[in-house]
Amino acid sequence: MQTQVPDVSKTYVEATQSAFDATLPECAGGESFALMVQGFSMAPEFLEGEIILIEPEGLAKDGSYVLAMHDQEWTFRQLLRTEAGWMLHPLNPAFPDAAIPDLSSIHGVIIQKALPGRRRASKHYV
């Protein structure tokens, strides 16, 4: 008798996508929302623990910081236009760039960051 092992990684990605999508209907269309930065791929500009404010219907353009769905994961990167096309660029050189075919994977533009408990550390990006 052969036991079939479920593909846990796929289930996790689908669950993560569903959990994220489930929060969107409560927001009215382009209502901004906040996320906490995790990891160091966007250092030194964005540090782990900082809060970023995302505008879902913001204008994504060359140089914008964006929230994107890439390789079935949510990622936060700088959007760059190169001769080869659009690129998701981490600020930390230890992480690789990721090419994207178009802007359909972009789901929001970062418009502000803040460090919890430090109002004066806030910075706007629009």
N, C-alpha and C. Protein backbone atom coordinates (compact mmCIF):
# COMPACT_ATOMS: atom_id res chain seq x y z
N MET A 1 0.84 -1.18 0.00
CA MET A 1 0.00 0.00 0.00
C MET A 1 0.88 1.24 0.00
N GLN A 2 0.64 2.14 -0.92
CA GLN A 2 1.46 3.34 -1.06
C GLN A 2 0.74 4.53 -0.42
N THR A 3 1.48 5.26 0.40
CA THR A 3 0.92 6.44 1.06
C THR A 3 1.24 7.67 0.23
N GLN A 4 0.23 8.46 -0.04
CA GLN A 4 0.46 9.68 -0.81
C GLN A 4 0.66 10.85 0.15
N VAL A 5 1.78 11.55 -0.02
CA VAL A 5 2.12 12.69 0.81
C VAL A 5 1.62 13.96 0.12
N PRO A 6 0.83 14.78 0.83
CA PRO A 6 0.34 16.00 0.20
C PRO A 6 1.48 17.00 -0.06
N ASP A 7 1.32 17.79 -1.09
CA ASP A 7 2.28 18.84 -1.41
C ASP A 7 2.04 20.01 -0.46
N VAL A 8 2.76 20.01 0.65
CA VAL A 8 2.55 20.99 1.71
C VAL A 8 2.91 22.40 1.24
N SER A 9 3.96 22.55 0.44
CA SER A 9 4.37 23.89 0.01
C SER A 9 3.29 24.55 -0.84
N LYS A 10 2.65 23.78 -1.70
CA LYS A 10 1.59 24.33 -2.54
C LYS A 10 0.40 24.73 -1.68
N THR A 11 0.05 23.88 -0.73
CA THR A 11 -1.06 24.18 0.18
C THR A 11 -0.77 25.44 0.96
N TYR A 12 0.46 25.61 1.43
CA TYR A 12 0.82 26.80 2.20
C TYR A 12 0.69 28.05 1.35
N VAL A 13 1.17 28.00 0.11
CA VAL A 13 1.09 29.17 -0.77
C VAL A 13 -0.37 29.51 -1.04
N GLU A 14 -1.19 28.48 -1.33
CA GLU A 14 -2.61 28.73 -1.59
C GLU A 14 -3.29 29.29 -0.35
N ALA A 15 -2.93 28.75 0.82
CA ALA A 15 -3.53 29.24 2.06
C ALA A 15 -3.10 30.68 2.32
N THR A 16 -1.83 30.98 2.07
CA THR A 16 -1.34 32.33 2.26
C THR A 16 -2.04 33.29 1.31
N GLN A 17 -2.16 32.91 0.04
CA GLN A 17 -2.86 33.74 -0.94
C GLN A 17 -4.31 33.94 -0.52
N SER A 18 -4.98 32.86 -0.09
CA SER A 18 -6.38 32.96 0.33
C SER A 18 -6.52 33.86 1.54
N ALA A 19 -5.62 33.73 2.49
CA ALA A 19 -5.68 34.56 3.70
C ALA A 19 -5.50 36.02 3.34
N PHE A 20 -4.57 36.31 2.43
CA PHE A 20 -4.35 37.70 2.02
C PHE A 20 -5.57 38.22 1.26
N ASP A 21 -6.07 37.43 0.32
CA ASP A 21 -7.23 37.85 -0.46
C ASP A 21 -8.47 38.03 0.42
N ALA A 22 -8.59 37.23 1.47
CA ALA A 22 -9.76 37.32 2.36
C ALA A 22 -9.81 38.67 3.07
N THR A 23 -8.66 39.31 3.26
CA THR A 23 -8.65 40.60 3.93
C THR A 23 -9.02 41.74 2.99
N LEU A 24 -8.85 41.54 1.70
CA LEU A 24 -9.10 42.62 0.75
C LEU A 24 -10.57 43.05 0.62
N PRO A 25 -11.55 42.13 0.61
CA PRO A 25 -12.93 42.59 0.44
C PRO A 25 -13.40 43.54 1.54
N GLU A 26 -12.82 43.48 2.73
CA GLU A 26 -13.21 44.38 3.80
C GLU A 26 -12.73 45.81 3.52
N CYS A 27 -11.75 45.96 2.67
CA CYS A 27 -11.25 47.27 2.29
C CYS A 27 -12.05 47.75 1.09
N ALA A 28 -12.28 49.02 1.01
CA ALA A 28 -13.02 49.58 -0.12
C ALA A 28 -12.08 49.86 -1.27
N GLY A 29 -11.97 48.93 -2.20
CA GLY A 29 -11.17 49.11 -3.41
C GLY A 29 -9.73 49.48 -3.17
N GLY A 30 -9.43 50.77 -3.27
CA GLY A 30 -8.06 51.23 -3.18
C GLY A 30 -7.64 51.67 -1.81
N GLU A 31 -8.28 51.16 -0.78
CA GLU A 31 -7.94 51.57 0.58
C GLU A 31 -6.54 51.08 0.97
N SER A 32 -5.71 51.96 1.50
CA SER A 32 -4.35 51.62 1.90
C SER A 32 -4.34 50.65 3.07
N PHE A 33 -3.26 49.88 3.17
CA PHE A 33 -3.09 48.96 4.29
C PHE A 33 -1.62 48.92 4.67
N ALA A 34 -1.34 48.39 5.85
CA ALA A 34 0.03 48.36 6.37
C ALA A 34 0.53 46.94 6.53
N LEU A 35 1.82 46.76 6.34
CA LEU A 35 2.51 45.49 6.57
C LEU A 35 3.80 45.76 7.32
N MET A 36 4.30 44.75 8.02
CA MET A 36 5.57 44.88 8.71
C MET A 36 6.67 44.25 7.86
N VAL A 37 7.78 44.93 7.72
CA VAL A 37 8.92 44.44 6.95
C VAL A 37 9.54 43.25 7.70
N GLN A 38 9.75 42.16 6.97
CA GLN A 38 10.42 40.99 7.51
C GLN A 38 11.60 40.65 6.62
N GLY A 39 12.72 40.38 7.23
CA GLY A 39 13.90 40.06 6.46
C GLY A 39 14.75 41.28 6.18
N PHE A 40 15.81 41.06 5.39
CA PHE A 40 16.81 42.12 5.17
C PHE A 40 17.06 42.40 3.69
N SER A 41 16.18 41.93 2.82
CA SER A 41 16.42 42.11 1.38
C SER A 41 16.29 43.56 0.93
N MET A 42 15.62 44.41 1.72
CA MET A 42 15.45 45.81 1.33
C MET A 42 16.27 46.76 2.20
N ALA A 43 17.19 46.21 2.98
CA ALA A 43 18.10 47.04 3.78
C ALA A 43 19.11 47.68 2.83
N PRO A 44 19.55 48.85 3.10
CA PRO A 44 19.46 49.61 4.35
C PRO A 44 18.27 50.57 4.41
N GLU A 45 17.52 50.76 3.31
CA GLU A 45 16.41 51.72 3.33
C GLU A 45 15.25 51.26 4.20
N PHE A 46 14.94 49.96 4.15
CA PHE A 46 13.83 49.40 4.93
C PHE A 46 14.38 48.31 5.83
N LEU A 47 14.20 48.47 7.12
CA LEU A 47 14.75 47.53 8.09
C LEU A 47 13.65 46.64 8.66
N GLU A 48 14.05 45.46 9.08
CA GLU A 48 13.11 44.51 9.67
C GLU A 48 12.40 45.17 10.85
N GLY A 49 11.08 45.01 10.90
CA GLY A 49 10.30 45.58 11.98
C GLY A 49 9.64 46.90 11.64
N GLU A 50 10.09 47.56 10.57
CA GLU A 50 9.44 48.80 10.16
C GLU A 50 8.08 48.49 9.54
N ILE A 51 7.20 49.46 9.60
CA ILE A 51 5.86 49.31 9.03
C ILE A 51 5.83 50.07 7.71
N ILE A 52 5.33 49.41 6.66
CA ILE A 52 5.17 50.08 5.36
C ILE A 52 3.69 50.21 5.05
N LEU A 53 3.33 51.33 4.46
CA LEU A 53 1.95 51.60 4.06
C LEU A 53 1.85 51.42 2.55
N ILE A 54 0.91 50.57 2.12
CA ILE A 54 0.76 50.22 0.72
C ILE A 54 -0.52 50.82 0.16
N GLU A 55 -0.40 51.43 -1.01
CA GLU A 55 -1.55 51.97 -1.75
C GLU A 55 -1.82 50.99 -2.89
N PRO A 56 -2.90 50.17 -2.79
CA PRO A 56 -3.16 49.14 -3.80
C PRO A 56 -3.34 49.68 -5.22
N GLU A 57 -3.87 50.86 -5.36
CA GLU A 57 -4.10 51.42 -6.68
C GLU A 57 -3.09 52.51 -7.03
N GLY A 58 -1.96 52.50 -6.33
CA GLY A 58 -0.92 53.49 -6.59
C GLY A 58 -0.27 53.27 -7.94
N LEU A 59 0.30 54.31 -8.48
CA LEU A 59 0.96 54.26 -9.78
C LEU A 59 2.35 53.64 -9.63
N ALA A 60 2.52 52.46 -10.20
CA ALA A 60 3.82 51.78 -10.19
C ALA A 60 4.64 52.30 -11.36
N LYS A 61 5.80 52.86 -11.05
CA LYS A 61 6.67 53.39 -12.10
C LYS A 61 8.11 53.05 -11.76
N ASP A 62 9.00 53.30 -12.69
CA ASP A 62 10.42 53.03 -12.49
C ASP A 62 10.90 53.68 -11.20
N GLY A 63 11.49 52.90 -10.31
CA GLY A 63 12.02 53.41 -9.06
C GLY A 63 11.07 53.28 -7.87
N SER A 64 9.79 52.96 -8.12
CA SER A 64 8.82 52.81 -7.03
C SER A 64 9.15 51.57 -6.20
N TYR A 65 8.79 51.62 -4.93
CA TYR A 65 8.85 50.45 -4.07
C TYR A 65 7.48 49.81 -4.14
N VAL A 66 7.43 48.50 -4.43
CA VAL A 66 6.15 47.85 -4.71
C VAL A 66 5.98 46.54 -3.93
N LEU A 67 4.72 46.16 -3.78
CA LEU A 67 4.34 44.85 -3.27
C LEU A 67 3.93 44.04 -4.49
N ALA A 68 4.56 42.88 -4.67
CA ALA A 68 4.30 42.08 -5.87
C ALA A 68 4.14 40.61 -5.51
N MET A 69 3.41 39.89 -6.36
CA MET A 69 3.32 38.44 -6.26
C MET A 69 4.31 37.90 -7.28
N HIS A 70 5.34 37.20 -6.78
CA HIS A 70 6.38 36.66 -7.66
C HIS A 70 6.73 35.24 -7.21
N ASP A 71 6.72 34.31 -8.13
CA ASP A 71 6.98 32.90 -7.83
C ASP A 71 6.08 32.40 -6.70
N GLN A 72 4.83 32.76 -6.75
CA GLN A 72 3.80 32.35 -5.80
C GLN A 72 4.07 32.81 -4.37
N GLU A 73 4.81 33.91 -4.23
CA GLU A 73 5.09 34.49 -2.91
C GLU A 73 4.92 36.00 -3.00
N TRP A 74 4.50 36.60 -1.90
CA TRP A 74 4.44 38.05 -1.82
C TRP A 74 5.84 38.57 -1.56
N THR A 75 6.22 39.59 -2.27
CA THR A 75 7.55 40.17 -2.08
C THR A 75 7.46 41.70 -2.16
N PHE A 76 8.39 42.32 -1.52
CA PHE A 76 8.48 43.77 -1.45
C PHE A 76 9.82 44.14 -2.07
N ARG A 77 9.80 44.88 -3.18
CA ARG A 77 11.02 45.22 -3.92
C ARG A 77 10.89 46.59 -4.56
N GLN A 78 11.99 47.05 -5.12
CA GLN A 78 11.99 48.26 -5.92
C GLN A 78 11.76 47.85 -7.38
N LEU A 79 10.87 48.55 -8.04
CA LEU A 79 10.56 48.27 -9.43
C LEU A 79 11.51 49.08 -10.31
N LEU A 80 12.22 48.40 -11.20
CA LEU A 80 13.15 49.07 -12.10
C LEU A 80 12.86 48.69 -13.54
N ARG A 81 13.01 49.65 -14.43
CA ARG A 81 12.85 49.42 -15.87
C ARG A 81 14.25 49.34 -16.47
N THR A 82 14.57 48.21 -17.10
CA THR A 82 15.87 48.02 -17.74
C THR A 82 15.65 47.83 -19.23
N GLU A 83 16.72 47.72 -19.98
CA GLU A 83 16.61 47.47 -21.42
C GLU A 83 15.92 46.14 -21.69
N ALA A 84 16.09 45.18 -20.76
CA ALA A 84 15.49 43.86 -20.92
C ALA A 84 14.03 43.82 -20.48
N GLY A 85 13.56 44.84 -19.78
CA GLY A 85 12.18 44.86 -19.30
C GLY A 85 12.11 45.25 -17.83
N TRP A 86 11.02 44.86 -17.16
CA TRP A 86 10.82 45.22 -15.76
C TRP A 86 11.55 44.25 -14.84
N MET A 87 12.04 44.79 -13.72
CA MET A 87 12.82 44.03 -12.77
C MET A 87 12.36 44.35 -11.35
N LEU A 88 12.27 43.31 -10.49
CA LEU A 88 12.05 43.51 -9.06
C LEU A 88 13.43 43.47 -8.42
N HIS A 89 13.83 44.59 -7.85
CA HIS A 89 15.20 44.77 -7.37
C HIS A 89 15.25 44.90 -5.84
N PRO A 90 15.96 43.99 -5.16
CA PRO A 90 16.18 44.15 -3.73
C PRO A 90 17.31 45.15 -3.51
N LEU A 91 17.23 45.95 -2.48
CA LEU A 91 18.28 46.94 -2.22
C LEU A 91 19.54 46.30 -1.65
N ASN A 92 19.39 45.19 -0.96
CA ASN A 92 20.51 44.46 -0.40
C ASN A 92 21.16 43.64 -1.53
N PRO A 93 22.44 43.89 -1.86
CA PRO A 93 23.08 43.19 -2.98
C PRO A 93 23.26 41.69 -2.76
N ALA A 94 23.01 41.19 -1.57
CA ALA A 94 23.11 39.76 -1.31
C ALA A 94 21.93 38.98 -1.90
N PHE A 95 20.90 39.69 -2.35
CA PHE A 95 19.71 39.06 -2.92
C PHE A 95 19.65 39.33 -4.42
N PRO A 96 19.13 38.35 -5.21
CA PRO A 96 19.11 38.53 -6.67
C PRO A 96 17.93 39.35 -7.17
N ASP A 97 18.12 40.00 -8.33
CA ASP A 97 17.04 40.67 -9.03
C ASP A 97 16.12 39.60 -9.62
N ALA A 98 14.88 39.96 -9.89
CA ALA A 98 13.93 39.04 -10.51
C ALA A 98 13.23 39.76 -11.66
N ALA A 99 13.34 39.19 -12.84
CA ALA A 99 12.68 39.77 -14.01
C ALA A 99 11.19 39.44 -13.98
N ILE A 100 10.36 40.40 -14.38
CA ILE A 100 8.92 40.15 -14.52
C ILE A 100 8.50 40.59 -15.91
N PRO A 101 7.56 39.86 -16.53
CA PRO A 101 7.19 40.18 -17.92
C PRO A 101 6.41 41.47 -18.09
N ASP A 102 5.63 41.84 -17.08
CA ASP A 102 4.83 43.05 -17.15
C ASP A 102 4.46 43.48 -15.73
N LEU A 103 3.59 44.45 -15.59
CA LEU A 103 3.24 44.97 -14.27
C LEU A 103 2.04 44.29 -13.63
N SER A 104 1.55 43.20 -14.22
CA SER A 104 0.36 42.52 -13.67
C SER A 104 0.62 41.90 -12.31
N SER A 105 1.86 41.63 -11.96
CA SER A 105 2.17 41.04 -10.65
C SER A 105 2.27 42.09 -9.54
N ILE A 106 2.22 43.37 -9.89
CA ILE A 106 2.30 44.45 -8.91
C ILE A 106 0.92 44.65 -8.27
N HIS A 107 0.86 44.62 -6.94
CA HIS A 107 -0.41 44.74 -6.23
C HIS A 107 -0.46 45.93 -5.29
N GLY A 108 0.52 46.79 -5.36
CA GLY A 108 0.49 47.99 -4.54
C GLY A 108 1.82 48.70 -4.56
N VAL A 109 1.77 49.98 -4.22
CA VAL A 109 2.96 50.83 -4.17
C VAL A 109 3.15 51.30 -2.74
N ILE A 110 4.39 51.20 -2.25
CA ILE A 110 4.70 51.65 -0.89
C ILE A 110 4.71 53.18 -0.91
N ILE A 111 3.92 53.77 -0.01
CA ILE A 111 3.83 55.23 0.02
C ILE A 111 4.42 55.83 1.29
N GLN A 112 4.67 54.99 2.29
CA GLN A 112 5.21 55.51 3.55
C GLN A 112 5.81 54.36 4.35
N LYS A 113 6.79 54.71 5.19
CA LYS A 113 7.31 53.74 6.16
C LYS A 113 7.38 54.43 7.51
N ALA A 114 7.32 53.62 8.55
CA ALA A 114 7.41 54.15 9.91
C ALA A 114 8.00 53.08 10.82
N LEU A 115 8.67 53.52 11.84
CA LEU A 115 9.20 52.63 12.86
C LEU A 115 8.23 52.70 14.04
N PRO A 116 7.67 51.57 14.45
CA PRO A 116 6.70 51.61 15.54
C PRO A 116 7.24 52.36 16.75
N GLY A 117 6.41 53.29 17.26
CA GLY A 117 6.78 54.07 18.43
C GLY A 117 7.66 55.27 18.16
N ARG A 118 8.01 55.51 16.90
CA ARG A 118 8.89 56.64 16.56
C ARG A 118 8.30 57.42 15.40
N ARG A 119 7.38 58.31 15.69
CA ARG A 119 6.69 59.10 14.67
C ARG A 119 7.65 59.88 13.77
N ARG A 120 8.68 60.42 14.34
CA ARG A 120 9.60 61.25 13.56
C ARG A 120 10.46 60.44 12.60
N ALA A 121 10.46 59.11 12.76
CA ALA A 121 11.22 58.25 11.86
C ALA A 121 10.43 57.93 10.60
N SER A 122 9.24 58.46 10.46
CA SER A 122 8.37 58.21 9.30
C SER A 122 8.97 58.85 8.05
N LYS A 123 8.76 58.20 6.90
CA LYS A 123 9.26 58.72 5.63
C LYS A 123 8.22 58.44 4.54
N HIS A 124 7.96 59.41 3.68
CA HIS A 124 6.99 59.28 2.61
C HIS A 124 7.70 59.02 1.28
N TYR A 125 7.06 58.24 0.39
CA TYR A 125 7.66 57.88 -0.89
C TYR A 125 6.88 58.34 -2.10
N VAL A 126 5.85 59.13 -1.92
CA VAL A 126 5.06 59.60 -3.06
C VAL A 126 5.17 61.10 -3.17
